Amino acid sequence: MEADVFASIVLMKKLSSKLMQEIKDFKILLRNIPSLTVSLFILSVVCANLMANKELVNFKYIALDCGFTFSWLMFLCMDIICKRWGAKASIKVSILALAVNLSVCLIFALLSKAPGMWGEFYTTENQEVNRALNATFGGSWYVVLGSALAFITSSIINALLNTAIGSSLKKNNFFSFALRSYVSTAIAQFADNFIFATVVSKIFFGWSWTQVIVCSAIGAFFELLCEVVFSGLGWKVVRQWEKENVGNEYLEYQKKQA
């Protein structure tokens, strides 16, 4: 009995020590990543989630929502963070972005229940407009669940793939950056779309598996295309960070912990 209690105490101390170490690691990481990058990343996640409520293109096997106009920025931010600080750093910032997004969704849901009219109501004097806006900003639990599950899964896939491909490349040039970014983004974007379409569109709206797969692939293609267009900018940002030794404190801390 005493041995079990002692083992439990030792385990709790180890877990507590590990938790404190991770918190310290996260604090140092946030001090080292430029605030504009973190802000754009979190903003793109929140905006993509909100604008996913509005469709951009909708045919039988082609469906794009307005959220895709922000999703490429999410993955570009993840790619440049991976390039400079590694997969672990990218995943941690993704968890932060998810936490902020879920908090915003909760606040929106609560405020949508508040009494009062939206400004657009006074333009039309139509109660349906007010209800529609409340429903849009309030969101549905299954949409939030599907979005959160898709985002965190694709973030982990993107980070691990990006870093794995990068570690196998010897040269530090744009081609290497583009290769690791395009491959990881294409696969992770497909996973993101596939998970969301399965959890939300198939289960709750009756999509066929053909629709799920084709729409996921088409969405991933257009999202990847956007990143291809702006990847040059991402490369320039990373190169500037390297020249100015941005984030060296975190890199040195990681070496000491290894």
C-alpha atoms as a PDB file:
ATOM      1  CA  MET A   1       0.000   0.000   0.000  1.00  0.00           C
ATOM      2  CA  GLU A   2       2.779   2.416   0.991  1.00  0.00           C
ATOM      3  CA  ALA A   3       4.687   1.484  -2.181  1.00  0.00           C
ATOM      4  CA  ASP A   4       1.645   2.378  -4.319  1.00  0.00           C
ATOM      5  CA  VAL A   5       1.257   5.731  -2.570  1.00  0.00           C
ATOM      6  CA  PHE A   6       4.966   6.474  -3.010  1.00  0.00           C
ATOM      7  CA  ALA A   7       4.796   5.536  -6.717  1.00  0.00           C
ATOM      8  CA  SER A   8       1.783   7.823  -7.176  1.00  0.00           C
ATOM      9  CA  ILE A   9       3.590  10.717  -5.506  1.00  0.00           C
ATOM     10  CA  VAL A  10       6.660  10.201  -7.708  1.00  0.00           C
ATOM     11  CA  LEU A  11       4.462  10.064 -10.819  1.00  0.00           C
ATOM     12  CA  MET A  12       2.635  13.261  -9.840  1.00  0.00           C
ATOM     13  CA  LYS A  13       5.952  15.040  -9.276  1.00  0.00           C
ATOM     14  CA  LYS A  14       7.202  13.937 -12.695  1.00  0.00           C
ATOM     15  CA  LEU A  15       4.003  15.088 -14.382  1.00  0.00           C
ATOM     16  CA  SER A  16       4.112  18.408 -12.527  1.00  0.00           C
ATOM     17  CA  SER A  17       7.758  18.916 -13.506  1.00  0.00           C
ATOM     18  CA  LYS A  18       6.981  18.088 -17.147  1.00  0.00           C
ATOM     19  CA  LEU A  19       4.024  20.477 -17.154  1.00  0.00           C
ATOM     20  CA  MET A  20       6.099  23.324 -15.713  1.00  0.00           C
ATOM     21  CA  GLN A  21       8.799  22.651 -18.303  1.00  0.00           C
ATOM     22  CA  GLU A  22       6.253  22.794 -21.135  1.00  0.00           C
ATOM     23  CA  ILE A  23       4.797  26.041 -19.781  1.00  0.00           C
ATOM     24  CA  LYS A  24       8.278  27.563 -19.632  1.00  0.00           C
ATOM     25  CA  ASP A  25       8.972  26.327 -23.169  1.00  0.00           C
ATOM     26  CA  PHE A  26       5.720  27.884 -24.406  1.00  0.00           C
ATOM     27  CA  LYS A  27       6.453  31.232 -22.742  1.00  0.00           C
ATOM     28  CA  ILE A  28       9.898  31.406 -24.346  1.00  0.00           C
ATOM     29  CA  LEU A  29       8.413  30.410 -27.704  1.00  0.00           C
ATOM     30  CA  LEU A  30       5.814  33.191 -27.633  1.00  0.00           C
ATOM     31  CA  ARG A  31       8.521  35.714 -26.742  1.00  0.00           C
ATOM     32  CA  ASN A  32      10.550  34.632 -29.760  1.00  0.00           C
ATOM     33  CA  ILE A  33       7.974  34.399 -32.554  1.00  0.00           C
ATOM     34  CA  PRO A  34       7.199  37.881 -33.944  1.00  0.00           C
ATOM     35  CA  SER A  35       3.830  39.027 -32.600  1.00  0.00           C
ATOM     36  CA  LEU A  36       2.587  39.963 -36.084  1.00  0.00           C
ATOM     37  CA  THR A  37       3.017  36.358 -37.237  1.00  0.00           C
ATOM     38  CA  VAL A  38       1.113  34.952 -34.259  1.00  0.00           C
ATOM     39  CA  SER A  39      -1.595  37.614 -34.631  1.00  0.00           C
ATOM     40  CA  LEU A  40      -2.086  36.913 -38.356  1.00  0.00           C
ATOM     41  CA  PHE A  41      -2.194  33.186 -37.671  1.00  0.00           C
ATOM     42  CA  ILE A  42      -4.847  33.452 -34.958  1.00  0.00           C
ATOM     43  CA  LEU A  43      -6.847  36.021 -36.951  1.00  0.00           C
ATOM     44  CA  SER A  44      -6.838  33.784 -40.034  1.00  0.00           C
ATOM     45  CA  VAL A  45      -8.116  30.837 -37.969  1.00  0.00           C
ATOM     46  CA  VAL A  46     -10.968  32.875 -36.471  1.00  0.00           C
ATOM     47  CA  CYS A  47     -11.896  34.480 -39.816  1.00  0.00           C
ATOM     48  CA  ALA A  48     -11.747  31.168 -41.704  1.00  0.00           C
ATOM     49  CA  ASN A  49     -14.095  29.615 -39.149  1.00  0.00           C
ATOM     50  CA  LEU A  50     -16.551  32.516 -39.362  1.00  0.00           C
ATOM     51  CA  MET A  51     -16.493  32.881 -43.160  1.00  0.00           C
ATOM     52  CA  ALA A  52     -16.983  29.137 -43.627  1.00  0.00           C
ATOM     53  CA  ASN A  53     -20.679  29.962 -43.086  1.00  0.00           C
ATOM     54  CA  LYS A  54     -20.860  31.587 -46.537  1.00  0.00           C
ATOM     55  CA  GLU A  55     -20.454  29.572 -49.721  1.00  0.00           C
ATOM     56  CA  LEU A  56     -18.312  30.877 -52.549  1.00  0.00           C
ATOM     57  CA  VAL A  57     -18.870  28.150 -55.154  1.00  0.00           C
ATOM     58  CA  ASN A  58     -21.444  25.354 -54.974  1.00  0.00           C
ATOM     59  CA  PHE A  59     -21.847  22.772 -57.711  1.00  0.00           C
ATOM     60  CA  LYS A  60     -22.501  19.037 -57.470  1.00  0.00           C
ATOM     61  CA  TYR A  61     -18.889  18.036 -56.810  1.00  0.00           C
ATOM     62  CA  ILE A  62     -17.318  21.439 -56.317  1.00  0.00           C
ATOM     63  CA  ALA A  63     -17.928  23.307 -53.077  1.00  0.00           C
ATOM     64  CA  LEU A  64     -15.839  26.166 -51.747  1.00  0.00           C
ATOM     65  CA  ASP A  65     -16.741  28.387 -48.833  1.00  0.00           C
ATOM     66  CA  CYS A  66     -15.338  31.842 -48.182  1.00  0.00           C
ATOM     67  CA  GLY A  67     -13.207  30.451 -45.370  1.00  0.00           C
ATOM     68  CA  PHE A  68     -10.727  29.149 -47.942  1.00  0.00           C
ATOM     69  CA  THR A  69      -9.613  32.740 -48.588  1.00  0.00           C
ATOM     70  CA  PHE A  70      -8.060  32.670 -45.103  1.00  0.00           C
ATOM     71  CA  SER A  71      -7.040  29.014 -44.757  1.00  0.00           C
ATOM     72  CA  TRP A  72      -3.975  29.347 -46.999  1.00  0.00           C
ATOM     73  CA  LEU A  73      -2.656  32.052 -44.647  1.00  0.00           C
ATOM     74  CA  MET A  74      -3.050  29.669 -41.705  1.00  0.00           C
ATOM     75  CA  PHE A  75      -0.888  27.072 -43.398  1.00  0.00           C
ATOM     76  CA  LEU A  76       1.675  29.583 -44.638  1.00  0.00           C
ATOM     77  CA  CYS A  77       2.117  30.799 -41.051  1.00  0.00           C
ATOM     78  CA  MET A  78       2.504  27.207 -39.866  1.00  0.00           C
ATOM     79  CA  ASP A  79       5.070  26.528 -42.598  1.00  0.00           C
ATOM     80  CA  ILE A  80       7.297  29.486 -41.762  1.00  0.00           C
ATOM     81  CA  ILE A  81       7.093  28.692 -38.036  1.00  0.00           C
ATOM     82  CA  CYS A  82       8.059  25.076 -38.825  1.00  0.00           C
ATOM     83  CA  LYS A  83      10.961  26.223 -40.967  1.00  0.00           C
ATOM     84  CA  ARG A  84      12.387  28.444 -38.240  1.00  0.00           C
ATOM     85  CA  TRP A  85      11.424  26.734 -34.965  1.00  0.00           C
ATOM     86  CA  GLY A  86      10.314  23.199 -35.823  1.00  0.00           C
ATOM     87  CA  ALA A  87       7.190  21.043 -35.644  1.00  0.00           C
ATOM     88  CA  LYS A  88       6.741  21.257 -31.878  1.00  0.00           C
ATOM     89  CA  ALA A  89       6.622  25.052 -32.003  1.00  0.00           C
ATOM     90  CA  SER A  90       4.088  25.040 -34.846  1.00  0.00           C
ATOM     91  CA  ILE A  91       1.812  22.591 -33.022  1.00  0.00           C
ATOM     92  CA  LYS A  92       1.938  24.655 -29.818  1.00  0.00           C
ATOM     93  CA  VAL A  93       0.990  27.859 -31.627  1.00  0.00           C
ATOM     94  CA  SER A  94      -1.797  25.943 -33.403  1.00  0.00           C
ATOM     95  CA  ILE A  95      -3.179  24.833 -30.029  1.00  0.00           C
ATOM     96  CA  LEU A  96      -3.128  28.466 -28.898  1.00  0.00           C
ATOM     97  CA  ALA A  97      -4.974  29.524 -32.068  1.00  0.00           C
ATOM     98  CA  LEU A  98      -7.553  26.776 -31.519  1.00  0.00           C
ATOM     99  CA  ALA A  99      -8.095  27.880 -27.905  1.00  0.00           C
ATOM    100  CA  VAL A 100      -8.620  31.487 -28.992  1.00  0.00           C
ATOM    101  CA  ASN A 101     -10.977  30.420 -31.780  1.00  0.00           C
ATOM    102  CA  LEU A 102     -13.082  28.274 -29.441  1.00  0.00           C
ATOM    103  CA  SER A 103     -13.218  31.167 -26.964  1.00  0.00           C
ATOM    104  CA  VAL A 104     -14.415  33.509 -29.709  1.00  0.00           C
ATOM    105  CA  CYS A 105     -17.045  30.957 -30.787  1.00  0.00           C
ATOM    106  CA  LEU A 106     -18.279  30.705 -27.194  1.00  0.00           C
ATOM    107  CA  ILE A 107     -18.465  34.495 -26.830  1.00  0.00           C
ATOM    108  CA  PHE A 108     -20.301  34.802 -30.167  1.00  0.00           C
ATOM    109  CA  ALA A 109     -22.744  32.072 -29.110  1.00  0.00           C
ATOM    110  CA  LEU A 110     -23.491  33.836 -25.816  1.00  0.00           C
ATOM    111  CA  LEU A 111     -23.878  37.249 -27.442  1.00  0.00           C
ATOM    112  CA  SER A 112     -26.203  35.812 -30.104  1.00  0.00           C
ATOM    113  CA  LYS A 113     -28.601  34.971 -27.248  1.00  0.00           C
ATOM    114  CA  ALA A 114     -28.516  38.528 -25.919  1.00  0.00           C
ATOM    115  CA  PRO A 115     -31.648  40.649 -26.449  1.00  0.00           C
ATOM    116  CA  GLY A 116     -31.532  43.432 -28.982  1.00  0.00           C
ATOM    117  CA  MET A 117     -31.443  43.854 -32.720  1.00  0.00           C
ATOM    118  CA  TRP A 118     -28.625  43.834 -35.246  1.00  0.00           C
ATOM    119  CA  GLY A 119     -28.014  47.038 -37.172  1.00  0.00           C
ATOM    120  CA  GLU A 120     -29.198  45.372 -40.382  1.00  0.00           C
ATOM    121  CA  PHE A 121     -32.627  44.774 -38.785  1.00  0.00           C
ATOM    122  CA  TYR A 122     -33.342  48.499 -38.739  1.00  0.00           C
ATOM    123  CA  THR A 123     -32.625  48.668 -42.466  1.00  0.00           C
ATOM    124  CA  THR A 124     -35.133  45.964 -43.393  1.00  0.00           C
ATOM    125  CA  GLU A 125     -37.442  45.835 -40.332  1.00  0.00           C
ATOM    126  CA  ASN A 126     -37.418  42.067 -40.878  1.00  0.00           C
ATOM    127  CA  GLN A 127     -37.129  39.773 -37.855  1.00  0.00           C
ATOM    128  CA  GLU A 128     -35.793  36.975 -40.080  1.00  0.00           C
ATOM    129  CA  VAL A 129     -32.665  39.037 -40.724  1.00  0.00           C
ATOM    130  CA  ASN A 130     -32.042  39.293 -36.993  1.00  0.00           C
ATOM    131  CA  ARG A 131     -32.549  35.550 -36.502  1.00  0.00           C
ATOM    132  CA  ALA A 132     -30.283  34.728 -39.441  1.00  0.00           C
ATOM    133  CA  LEU A 133     -27.437  36.869 -38.102  1.00  0.00           C
ATOM    134  CA  ASN A 134     -27.820  35.369 -34.630  1.00  0.00           C
ATOM    135  CA  ALA A 135     -27.667  31.868 -36.143  1.00  0.00           C
ATOM    136  CA  THR A 136     -24.608  32.755 -38.237  1.00  0.00           C
ATOM    137  CA  PHE A 137     -22.577  34.193 -35.373  1.00  0.00           C
ATOM    138  CA  GLY A 138     -23.991  31.787 -32.782  1.00  0.00           C
ATOM    139  CA  GLY A 139     -22.906  28.799 -34.831  1.00  0.00           C
ATOM    140  CA  SER A 140     -23.832  25.135 -34.484  1.00  0.00           C
ATOM    141  CA  TRP A 141     -22.068  22.782 -32.088  1.00  0.00           C
ATOM    142  CA  TYR A 142     -21.354  20.187 -34.770  1.00  0.00           C
ATOM    143  CA  VAL A 143     -19.785  22.800 -37.071  1.00  0.00           C
ATOM    144  CA  VAL A 144     -17.532  24.040 -34.255  1.00  0.00           C
ATOM    145  CA  LEU A 145     -16.644  20.436 -33.338  1.00  0.00           C
ATOM    146  CA  GLY A 146     -15.882  19.478 -36.937  1.00  0.00           C
ATOM    147  CA  SER A 147     -13.860  22.625 -37.517  1.00  0.00           C
ATOM    148  CA  ALA A 148     -11.815  22.189 -34.326  1.00  0.00           C
ATOM    149  CA  LEU A 149     -11.115  18.508 -34.983  1.00  0.00           C
ATOM    150  CA  ALA A 150     -10.146  19.175 -38.600  1.00  0.00           C
ATOM    151  CA  PHE A 151      -7.895  22.112 -37.710  1.00  0.00           C
ATOM    152  CA  ILE A 152      -5.875  20.503 -34.927  1.00  0.00           C
ATOM    153  CA  THR A 153      -5.451  17.229 -36.853  1.00  0.00           C
ATOM    154  CA  SER A 154      -4.315  18.963 -40.037  1.00  0.00           C
ATOM    155  CA  SER A 155      -2.003  21.237 -38.022  1.00  0.00           C
ATOM    156  CA  ILE A 156      -0.220  18.228 -36.523  1.00  0.00           C
ATOM    157  CA  ILE A 157      -0.006  16.495 -39.915  1.00  0.00           C
ATOM    158  CA  ASN A 158       1.365  19.640 -41.561  1.00  0.00           C
ATOM    159  CA  ALA A 159       3.955  20.264 -38.840  1.00  0.00           C
ATOM    160  CA  LEU A 160       5.270  16.693 -38.733  1.00  0.00           C
ATOM    161  CA  LEU A 161       5.393  16.308 -42.524  1.00  0.00           C
ATOM    162  CA  ASN A 162       6.966  19.726 -43.061  1.00  0.00           C
ATOM    163  CA  THR A 163       9.724  19.062 -40.546  1.00  0.00           C
ATOM    164  CA  ALA A 164      10.310  15.482 -41.744  1.00  0.00           C
ATOM    165  CA  ILE A 165      10.702  16.586 -45.364  1.00  0.00           C
ATOM    166  CA  GLY A 166      12.859  19.536 -44.336  1.00  0.00           C
ATOM    167  CA  SER A 167      15.237  17.324 -42.353  1.00  0.00           C
ATOM    168  CA  SER A 168      15.859  15.202 -45.461  1.00  0.00           C
ATOM    169  CA  LEU A 169      16.782  18.213 -47.606  1.00  0.00           C
ATOM    170  CA  LYS A 170      20.369  19.412 -47.477  1.00  0.00           C
ATOM    171  CA  LYS A 171      20.100  22.822 -49.126  1.00  0.00           C
ATOM    172  CA  ASN A 172      18.586  25.874 -47.460  1.00  0.00           C
ATOM    173  CA  ASN A 173      17.033  27.565 -50.485  1.00  0.00           C
ATOM    174  CA  PHE A 174      13.620  28.492 -51.841  1.00  0.00           C
ATOM    175  CA  PHE A 175      13.217  25.160 -53.648  1.00  0.00           C
ATOM    176  CA  SER A 176      13.655  23.257 -50.376  1.00  0.00           C
ATOM    177  CA  PHE A 177      11.248  25.583 -48.562  1.00  0.00           C
ATOM    178  CA  ALA A 178       8.692  25.292 -51.368  1.00  0.00           C
ATOM    179  CA  LEU A 179       8.940  21.495 -51.553  1.00  0.00           C
ATOM    180  CA  ARG A 180       8.433  20.919 -47.828  1.00  0.00           C
ATOM    181  CA  SER A 181       5.647  23.530 -47.705  1.00  0.00           C
ATOM    182  CA  TYR A 182       3.719  22.409 -50.795  1.00  0.00           C
ATOM    183  CA  VAL A 183       3.759  18.691 -49.979  1.00  0.00           C
ATOM    184  CA  SER A 184       2.838  19.115 -46.311  1.00  0.00           C
ATOM    185  CA  THR A 185       0.193  21.728 -47.086  1.00  0.00           C
ATOM    186  CA  ALA A 186      -1.447  19.667 -49.843  1.00  0.00           C
ATOM    187  CA  ILE A 187      -1.778  16.587 -47.636  1.00  0.00           C
ATOM    188  CA  ALA A 188      -2.776  18.517 -44.499  1.00  0.00           C
ATOM    189  CA  GLN A 189      -5.310  20.674 -46.357  1.00  0.00           C
ATOM    190  CA  PHE A 190      -6.922  17.562 -47.817  1.00  0.00           C
ATOM    191  CA  ALA A 191      -7.057  16.025 -44.332  1.00  0.00           C
ATOM    192  CA  ASP A 192      -8.599  19.231 -42.956  1.00  0.00           C
ATOM    193  CA  ASN A 193     -11.292  19.328 -45.650  1.00  0.00           C
ATOM    194  CA  PHE A 194     -11.927  15.578 -45.463  1.00  0.00           C
ATOM    195  CA  ILE A 195     -12.405  15.521 -41.686  1.00  0.00           C
ATOM    196  CA  PHE A 196     -14.688  18.558 -41.720  1.00  0.00           C
ATOM    197  CA  ALA A 197     -16.726  17.252 -44.668  1.00  0.00           C
ATOM    198  CA  THR A 198     -17.086  13.849 -42.995  1.00  0.00           C
ATOM    199  CA  VAL A 199     -18.036  15.143 -39.541  1.00  0.00           C
ATOM    200  CA  VAL A 200     -20.352  17.905 -40.757  1.00  0.00           C
ATOM    201  CA  SER A 201     -21.423  17.488 -44.388  1.00  0.00           C
ATOM    202  CA  LYS A 202     -21.766  13.703 -44.550  1.00  0.00           C
ATOM    203  CA  ILE A 203     -23.202  13.032 -41.098  1.00  0.00           C
ATOM    204  CA  PHE A 204     -25.528  16.031 -40.834  1.00  0.00           C
ATOM    205  CA  PHE A 205     -26.247  16.919 -44.480  1.00  0.00           C
ATOM    206  CA  GLY A 206     -26.137  13.524 -46.160  1.00  0.00           C
ATOM    207  CA  TRP A 207     -23.194  13.978 -48.517  1.00  0.00           C
ATOM    208  CA  SER A 208     -21.987  10.895 -50.373  1.00  0.00           C
ATOM    209  CA  TRP A 209     -18.394   9.678 -49.974  1.00  0.00           C
ATOM    210  CA  THR A 210     -17.758  10.775 -53.557  1.00  0.00           C
ATOM    211  CA  GLN A 211     -18.795  14.318 -52.691  1.00  0.00           C
ATOM    212  CA  VAL A 212     -16.667  14.274 -49.536  1.00  0.00           C
ATOM    213  CA  ILE A 213     -13.512  13.080 -51.320  1.00  0.00           C
ATOM    214  CA  VAL A 214     -13.864  15.167 -54.491  1.00  0.00           C
ATOM    215  CA  CYS A 215     -14.780  18.377 -52.670  1.00  0.00           C
ATOM    216  CA  SER A 216     -11.939  17.840 -50.188  1.00  0.00           C
ATOM    217  CA  ALA A 217      -9.448  17.390 -53.027  1.00  0.00           C
ATOM    218  CA  ILE A 218     -10.697  20.402 -54.993  1.00  0.00           C
ATOM    219  CA  GLY A 219     -10.656  22.591 -51.890  1.00  0.00           C
ATOM    220  CA  ALA A 220      -7.112  21.466 -51.074  1.00  0.00           C
ATOM    221  CA  PHE A 221      -6.026  22.258 -54.645  1.00  0.00           C
ATOM    222  CA  PHE A 222      -7.284  25.849 -54.543  1.00  0.00           C
ATOM    223  CA  GLU A 223      -5.905  26.406 -51.037  1.00  0.00           C
ATOM    224  CA  LEU A 224      -2.532  25.054 -52.145  1.00  0.00           C
ATOM    225  CA  LEU A 225      -2.643  27.297 -55.213  1.00  0.00           C
ATOM    226  CA  CYS A 226      -3.010  30.345 -52.957  1.00  0.00           C
ATOM    227  CA  GLU A 227      -0.009  29.266 -50.897  1.00  0.00           C
ATOM    228  CA  VAL A 228       2.056  28.748 -54.064  1.00  0.00           C
ATOM    229  CA  VAL A 229       1.334  32.350 -55.037  1.00  0.00           C
ATOM    230  CA  PHE A 230       2.423  33.720 -51.645  1.00  0.00           C
ATOM    231  CA  SER A 231       5.171  31.221 -50.752  1.00  0.00           C
ATOM    232  CA  GLY A 232       7.829  33.617 -52.053  1.00  0.00           C
ATOM    233  CA  LEU A 233       6.762  36.111 -49.408  1.00  0.00           C
ATOM    234  CA  GLY A 234       6.924  33.409 -46.740  1.00  0.00           C
ATOM    235  CA  TRP A 235      10.455  32.476 -47.814  1.00  0.00           C
ATOM    236  CA  LYS A 236      11.606  36.102 -47.650  1.00  0.00           C
ATOM    237  CA  VAL A 237      10.190  36.422 -44.131  1.00  0.00           C
ATOM    238  CA  VAL A 238      12.011  33.287 -42.952  1.00  0.00           C
ATOM    239  CA  ARG A 239      15.293  34.379 -44.543  1.00  0.00           C
ATOM    240  CA  GLN A 240      15.001  37.763 -42.844  1.00  0.00           C
ATOM    241  CA  TRP A 241      14.427  36.053 -39.497  1.00  0.00           C
ATOM    242  CA  GLU A 242      17.520  33.923 -40.040  1.00  0.00           C
ATOM    243  CA  LYS A 243      19.681  36.908 -40.987  1.00  0.00           C
ATOM    244  CA  GLU A 244      18.513  38.897 -37.960  1.00  0.00           C
ATOM    245  CA  ASN A 245      18.699  35.882 -35.599  1.00  0.00           C
ATOM    246  CA  VAL A 246      15.034  36.253 -34.698  1.00  0.00           C
ATOM    247  CA  GLY A 247      14.022  33.582 -32.190  1.00  0.00           C
ATOM    248  CA  ASN A 248      17.549  32.445 -31.331  1.00  0.00           C
ATOM    249  CA  GLU A 249      16.713  32.367 -27.617  1.00  0.00           C
ATOM    250  CA  TYR A 250      14.172  29.586 -28.181  1.00  0.00           C
ATOM    251  CA  LEU A 251      16.513  27.645 -30.466  1.00  0.00           C
ATOM    252  CA  GLU A 252      19.275  27.789 -27.851  1.00  0.00           C
ATOM    253  CA  TYR A 253      16.826  26.734 -25.145  1.00  0.00           C
ATOM    254  CA  GLN A 254      15.793  23.732 -27.249  1.00  0.00           C
ATOM    255  CA  LYS A 255      19.433  22.692 -27.670  1.00  0.00           C
ATOM    256  CA  LYS A 256      19.956  22.754 -23.911  1.00  0.00           C
ATOM    257  CA  GLN A 257      16.842  20.643 -23.348  1.00  0.00           C
ATOM    258  CA  ALA A 258      17.844  18.054 -25.965  1.00  0.00           C
END
